[in-house]
Amino acid sequence: MAGSGGNWTSCWDANPHTPEPENDPTFSRTGLPSLMPPVYPSENGEIMTTILIVEGNTPDMVAVGHAGANGFIRTFSAVAPEVRIHLANPYAAPLRPEELHGIDGVVLTGSGVRWSVDAPEAAPQRAAAEVVLASGTPVWGSCNGLQLAMLMLGGSVGASPIGMEVGMAQNNALTREGVEHPMMAGRRSGFGVPCIHRDEVQVLPEGATLLAGNGHSPVQAAVYEKGNLRFWGTQYHPELSLADIGVYVRARGIFADHANLADDLELAETDSTAATRLGTHPDALVLPQRSRELSNWLQFVSGG
């Protein structure tokens, strides 16, 4: 289980072609899009890749700036500014199959809710995942998104028996399949990526392929590629900075017990001493290195 921090408006400010939500009539007063935000062609008129981000947090969480979509919007704006983004929140309205028309890829975000993906409260998320996974559209899932997809495909999830993993998912080891899979291009065993989660995938569904794991969570990266379904996902968060993680541990939520890490999380990208205390180095935290898996997925979706 995980979520991303930051401010909804600043995420959209990162894309010069996207209006600020408070000035855009397609956005409701909660900060959620009432249907979909407007989309814009690239300056050179080229056809753009269109991504649907399915929000993992509730409208009240989004309203105070805790949208799982935030990190994806920032990262996409930085590494692939030509990408066009649509948004949906199953906790606000059911996802309809027709909303996937013209969509090249779907993202299932992380989440900071208190319940697991198999809980009754998560029924709207499971219904949305069913629509997405049946569509044949390539799917990415981070943290809660990975857990959601693996559950829907026949796996199981639960709270890690050794507690939360907050800060960096360290010392990830690639499997043989991971070494060869394009999702992990640019990674070598021993890598670390920002993370924040309580739950984890405990049993992969039949047909899934494990790509990486570590001593905390054996399933840190996995894919499911069977029939027309192409799902790639990670337990860690290539879309989040450590400063984003800092926002979540400072909030009064399920990760508040790790507030002592907040100062280092917020400084680590530019302070090597703070980064060392978290088991990493600033070079591992900058784009595009931090977002390798997500950037590789975008390349796959775009046909690159």
Foldseek 3Di string as FASTA:
>chain_A
DDFWFDALQVLQVLQVVFDGLVPAPQADLLRHGVFWGDWDADPVRDDAAEEEEEWDEASNCVSVGTTLCSLVSNVCSVPPSRYIYIYDYLNVPADDLVVCVVHLEYEYGDYQDPDACPDPVNVSVLRNLVSVQVNLHEYEYEASGVQSNQVNQPFHKDFFPVFKDAFKPFQKAFDPVLVVDLLNPPDHGGAIAGATDGMATDGGHPQKDATIADPRYGRAWIWHDDDSYTYTYGNGDLSHQLQRSLVVCVDPGPNVVVNVLNVLSNCQLPDQVSVVVSVHHNVCRDPPNSNSSVVSVVCVSVVD
